[in-house]
Amino acid sequence: MTLVQDKPTVATNSATIKQWLVATAKGDLDHAPYAEDAEISDPTGKYKGKQQILASLKVWKTAFPQINVEVTNQVAEGDQVVSEVTFRGTHTGPLATPMGPIAATNKPIDLKIAIVSSFRNGLIQREHTYFDQAGLMRQLGLAPTKP
């Protein structure tokens, strides 16, 4: 599977994100379209460099080995792509966190995520991911449900 095009355009950048999200859900991290010096941030932390980014993705894949990804909306302009994504799966593996691992809860999740990706030369250079961390903990049964 080739994720990067010779001459990146808005359309190819958008397609790259969609293909990458599907590949990530399948556990295929071999074709990660990140620049070697890429930087990402999400509610769990900041990651610099392709290897650190891939390590962070493996943490999620370990916790949620069977995940379905749906891109529900995508807007692109210039070198930026903003994607609204829904991840659905079941927490069947340990989730590594800075405060220690969270054992598998075997609870399903339906997580809405927004991803802002910036490209350079057809590769993701920067990415900011936003999701409701407290909502995720509620779905896992690790935080009180809403009143």
C-alpha atoms as a PDB file:
ATOM      1  CA  MET A   1       0.000   0.000   0.000  1.00  0.00           C
ATOM      2  CA  THR A   2       1.403   3.395  -0.962  1.00  0.00           C
ATOM      3  CA  LEU A   3       0.205   6.304   1.123  1.00  0.00           C
ATOM      4  CA  VAL A   4       2.373   9.133  -0.212  1.00  0.00           C
ATOM      5  CA  GLN A   5       2.058  10.622  -3.681  1.00  0.00           C
ATOM      6  CA  ASP A   6       4.844  12.223  -5.749  1.00  0.00           C
ATOM      7  CA  LYS A   7       3.126  15.619  -5.980  1.00  0.00           C
ATOM      8  CA  PRO A   8       1.012  16.176  -2.890  1.00  0.00           C
ATOM      9  CA  THR A   9      -2.224  18.073  -3.335  1.00  0.00           C
ATOM     10  CA  VAL A  10      -5.187  18.791  -1.121  1.00  0.00           C
ATOM     11  CA  ALA A  11      -6.883  15.677  -2.522  1.00  0.00           C
ATOM     12  CA  THR A  12      -3.865  13.416  -2.010  1.00  0.00           C
ATOM     13  CA  ASN A  13      -3.303  14.746   1.514  1.00  0.00           C
ATOM     14  CA  SER A  14      -6.955  13.989   2.351  1.00  0.00           C
ATOM     15  CA  ALA A  15      -6.695  10.519   0.834  1.00  0.00           C
ATOM     16  CA  THR A  16      -3.460   9.889   2.730  1.00  0.00           C
ATOM     17  CA  ILE A  17      -5.201  10.602   6.047  1.00  0.00           C
ATOM     18  CA  LYS A  18      -8.139   8.317   5.219  1.00  0.00           C
ATOM     19  CA  GLN A  19      -5.839   5.492   4.083  1.00  0.00           C
ATOM     20  CA  TRP A  20      -3.600   5.949   7.113  1.00  0.00           C
ATOM     21  CA  LEU A  21      -6.517   5.793   9.566  1.00  0.00           C
ATOM     22  CA  VAL A  22      -7.743   2.548   8.004  1.00  0.00           C
ATOM     23  CA  ALA A  23      -4.206   1.103   8.023  1.00  0.00           C
ATOM     24  CA  THR A  24      -3.722   2.121  11.667  1.00  0.00           C
ATOM     25  CA  ALA A  25      -6.983   0.428  12.650  1.00  0.00           C
ATOM     26  CA  LYS A  26      -5.712  -2.757  11.002  1.00  0.00           C
ATOM     27  CA  GLY A  27      -2.413  -2.470  12.882  1.00  0.00           C
ATOM     28  CA  ASP A  28      -0.380  -1.657   9.760  1.00  0.00           C
ATOM     29  CA  LEU A  29       2.084   0.922  11.046  1.00  0.00           C
ATOM     30  CA  ASP A  30       4.763   0.081   8.449  1.00  0.00           C
ATOM     31  CA  HIS A  31       3.659   2.775   6.016  1.00  0.00           C
ATOM     32  CA  ALA A  32       3.207   5.627   8.476  1.00  0.00           C
ATOM     33  CA  PRO A  33       3.098   8.866   6.465  1.00  0.00           C
ATOM     34  CA  TYR A  34       4.916  10.902   9.134  1.00  0.00           C
ATOM     35  CA  ALA A  35       8.051  12.919   8.443  1.00  0.00           C
ATOM     36  CA  GLU A  36      11.046  11.705  10.459  1.00  0.00           C
ATOM     37  CA  ASP A  37      10.946  14.953  12.480  1.00  0.00           C
ATOM     38  CA  ALA A  38       7.141  15.080  12.799  1.00  0.00           C
ATOM     39  CA  GLU A  39       5.474  16.255  16.001  1.00  0.00           C
ATOM     40  CA  ILE A  40       2.055  15.293  17.311  1.00  0.00           C
ATOM     41  CA  SER A  41       0.068  16.170  20.385  1.00  0.00           C
ATOM     42  CA  ASP A  42      -3.037  14.669  21.899  1.00  0.00           C
ATOM     43  CA  PRO A  43      -4.664  14.695  25.344  1.00  0.00           C
ATOM     44  CA  THR A  44      -2.116  12.099  26.522  1.00  0.00           C
ATOM     45  CA  GLY A  45       1.016  14.054  25.607  1.00  0.00           C
ATOM     46  CA  LYS A  46       3.389  15.344  22.950  1.00  0.00           C
ATOM     47  CA  TYR A  47       5.468  13.103  20.729  1.00  0.00           C
ATOM     48  CA  LYS A  48       8.454  14.101  18.603  1.00  0.00           C
ATOM     49  CA  GLY A  49       9.879  12.053  15.776  1.00  0.00           C
ATOM     50  CA  LYS A  50       8.351   9.240  13.774  1.00  0.00           C
ATOM     51  CA  GLN A  51       9.543   6.477  16.123  1.00  0.00           C
ATOM     52  CA  GLN A  52       8.043   8.123  19.224  1.00  0.00           C
ATOM     53  CA  ILE A  53       4.789   8.697  17.335  1.00  0.00           C
ATOM     54  CA  LEU A  54       4.606   5.053  16.264  1.00  0.00           C
ATOM     55  CA  ALA A  55       5.301   3.922  19.834  1.00  0.00           C
ATOM     56  CA  SER A  56       2.350   6.033  21.042  1.00  0.00           C
ATOM     57  CA  LEU A  57       0.082   4.483  18.399  1.00  0.00           C
ATOM     58  CA  LYS A  58       1.127   0.976  19.451  1.00  0.00           C
ATOM     59  CA  VAL A  59      -0.060   1.777  22.993  1.00  0.00           C
ATOM     60  CA  TRP A  60      -3.576   2.400  21.664  1.00  0.00           C
ATOM     61  CA  LYS A  61      -3.480  -0.610  19.332  1.00  0.00           C
ATOM     62  CA  THR A  62      -2.491  -2.845  22.269  1.00  0.00           C
ATOM     63  CA  ALA A  63      -5.435  -1.608  24.334  1.00  0.00           C
ATOM     64  CA  PHE A  64      -7.920  -1.723  21.443  1.00  0.00           C
ATOM     65  CA  PRO A  65      -6.682  -4.413  19.027  1.00  0.00           C
ATOM     66  CA  GLN A  66      -9.975  -4.622  17.099  1.00  0.00           C
ATOM     67  CA  ILE A  67     -10.997  -1.085  16.195  1.00  0.00           C
ATOM     68  CA  ASN A  68     -13.256   0.269  13.464  1.00  0.00           C
ATOM     69  CA  VAL A  69     -12.574   3.716  12.057  1.00  0.00           C
ATOM     70  CA  GLU A  70     -15.062   5.956  10.299  1.00  0.00           C
ATOM     71  CA  VAL A  71     -14.100   9.336   8.865  1.00  0.00           C
ATOM     72  CA  THR A  72     -17.351  11.250   9.276  1.00  0.00           C
ATOM     73  CA  ASN A  73     -16.181  14.605   7.925  1.00  0.00           C
ATOM     74  CA  GLN A  74     -13.043  16.005   6.365  1.00  0.00           C
ATOM     75  CA  VAL A  75     -12.044  19.501   5.308  1.00  0.00           C
ATOM     76  CA  ALA A  76      -8.766  20.302   3.575  1.00  0.00           C
ATOM     77  CA  GLU A  77      -7.094  23.455   2.382  1.00  0.00           C
ATOM     78  CA  GLY A  78      -3.499  24.046   1.428  1.00  0.00           C
ATOM     79  CA  ASP A  79      -1.291  21.730   3.453  1.00  0.00           C
ATOM     80  CA  GLN A  80      -3.839  21.111   6.231  1.00  0.00           C
ATOM     81  CA  VAL A  81      -6.460  18.406   6.635  1.00  0.00           C
ATOM     82  CA  VAL A  82      -9.015  18.415   9.454  1.00  0.00           C
ATOM     83  CA  SER A  83     -10.756  15.095  10.027  1.00  0.00           C
ATOM     84  CA  GLU A  84     -13.658  14.155  12.263  1.00  0.00           C
ATOM     85  CA  VAL A  85     -13.327  10.491  13.083  1.00  0.00           C
ATOM     86  CA  THR A  86     -15.239   7.900  15.093  1.00  0.00           C
ATOM     87  CA  PHE A  87     -13.307   5.027  16.644  1.00  0.00           C
ATOM     88  CA  ARG A  88     -15.327   2.031  17.813  1.00  0.00           C
ATOM     89  CA  GLY A  89     -13.876  -0.972  19.554  1.00  0.00           C
ATOM     90  CA  THR A  90     -13.514  -2.877  22.791  1.00  0.00           C
ATOM     91  CA  HIS A  91     -10.864  -2.361  25.464  1.00  0.00           C
ATOM     92  CA  THR A  92      -9.355  -5.865  25.569  1.00  0.00           C
ATOM     93  CA  GLY A  93      -5.697  -5.095  26.309  1.00  0.00           C
ATOM     94  CA  PRO A  94      -3.750  -3.005  28.814  1.00  0.00           C
ATOM     95  CA  LEU A  95      -3.716   0.749  28.178  1.00  0.00           C
ATOM     96  CA  ALA A  96      -0.388   2.258  29.201  1.00  0.00           C
ATOM     97  CA  THR A  97      -0.729   5.659  30.893  1.00  0.00           C
ATOM     98  CA  PRO A  98       1.696   7.946  32.755  1.00  0.00           C
ATOM     99  CA  MET A  99       0.018   6.818  36.007  1.00  0.00           C
ATOM    100  CA  GLY A 100       0.401   3.127  35.208  1.00  0.00           C
ATOM    101  CA  PRO A 101      -1.417   0.660  32.990  1.00  0.00           C
ATOM    102  CA  ILE A 102      -5.187   0.381  32.891  1.00  0.00           C
ATOM    103  CA  ALA A 103      -6.168  -3.287  32.747  1.00  0.00           C
ATOM    104  CA  ALA A 104      -8.593  -4.382  30.048  1.00  0.00           C
ATOM    105  CA  THR A 105     -12.176  -3.538  30.982  1.00  0.00           C
ATOM    106  CA  ASN A 106     -13.733  -5.421  28.040  1.00  0.00           C
ATOM    107  CA  LYS A 107     -16.044  -2.433  27.595  1.00  0.00           C
ATOM    108  CA  PRO A 108     -16.922  -1.029  24.173  1.00  0.00           C
ATOM    109  CA  ILE A 109     -16.046   2.519  23.188  1.00  0.00           C
ATOM    110  CA  ASP A 110     -17.499   4.924  20.656  1.00  0.00           C
ATOM    111  CA  LEU A 111     -14.996   7.777  20.611  1.00  0.00           C
ATOM    112  CA  LYS A 112     -15.352  10.962  18.563  1.00  0.00           C
ATOM    113  CA  ILE A 113     -11.993  12.460  17.592  1.00  0.00           C
ATOM    114  CA  ALA A 114     -10.868  15.564  15.706  1.00  0.00           C
ATOM    115  CA  ILE A 115      -7.477  15.421  13.990  1.00  0.00           C
ATOM    116  CA  VAL A 116      -5.711  18.441  12.494  1.00  0.00           C
ATOM    117  CA  SER A 117      -2.879  17.323  10.211  1.00  0.00           C
ATOM    118  CA  SER A 118      -0.306  19.578   8.539  1.00  0.00           C
ATOM    119  CA  PHE A 119       1.644  18.211   5.586  1.00  0.00           C
ATOM    120  CA  ARG A 120       5.063  18.979   4.157  1.00  0.00           C
ATOM    121  CA  ASN A 121       6.203  17.274   0.949  1.00  0.00           C
ATOM    122  CA  GLY A 122       3.409  14.704   1.163  1.00  0.00           C
ATOM    123  CA  LEU A 123       4.167  13.662   4.750  1.00  0.00           C
ATOM    124  CA  ILE A 124       2.501  14.607   8.017  1.00  0.00           C
ATOM    125  CA  GLN A 125       4.717  17.167   9.744  1.00  0.00           C
ATOM    126  CA  ARG A 126       2.432  18.200  12.618  1.00  0.00           C
ATOM    127  CA  GLU A 127      -0.724  16.735  14.016  1.00  0.00           C
ATOM    128  CA  HIS A 128      -3.039  17.724  16.842  1.00  0.00           C
ATOM    129  CA  THR A 129      -5.626  15.213  18.013  1.00  0.00           C
ATOM    130  CA  TYR A 130      -8.541  16.162  20.251  1.00  0.00           C
ATOM    131  CA  PHE A 131     -10.905  13.836  22.108  1.00  0.00           C
ATOM    132  CA  ASP A 132     -12.939  13.772  25.300  1.00  0.00           C
ATOM    133  CA  GLN A 133     -10.602  11.964  27.681  1.00  0.00           C
ATOM    134  CA  ALA A 134     -13.127  12.044  30.558  1.00  0.00           C
ATOM    135  CA  GLY A 135     -15.786  10.644  28.232  1.00  0.00           C
ATOM    136  CA  LEU A 136     -13.444   7.814  27.273  1.00  0.00           C
ATOM    137  CA  MET A 137     -12.860   7.012  30.956  1.00  0.00           C
ATOM    138  CA  ARG A 138     -16.652   6.966  31.533  1.00  0.00           C
ATOM    139  CA  GLN A 139     -17.109   4.545  28.647  1.00  0.00           C
ATOM    140  CA  LEU A 140     -14.440   2.293  30.165  1.00  0.00           C
ATOM    141  CA  GLY A 141     -16.247   2.388  33.522  1.00  0.00           C
ATOM    142  CA  LEU A 142     -13.348   4.244  35.160  1.00  0.00           C
ATOM    143  CA  ALA A 143     -15.119   7.538  35.876  1.00  0.00           C
ATOM    144  CA  PRO A 144     -18.594   8.386  37.160  1.00  0.00           C
ATOM    145  CA  THR A 145     -21.294   8.577  34.540  1.00  0.00           C
ATOM    146  CA  LYS A 146     -22.967  11.893  33.911  1.00  0.00           C
ATOM    147  CA  PRO A 147     -25.769  12.732  36.394  1.00  0.00           C
END
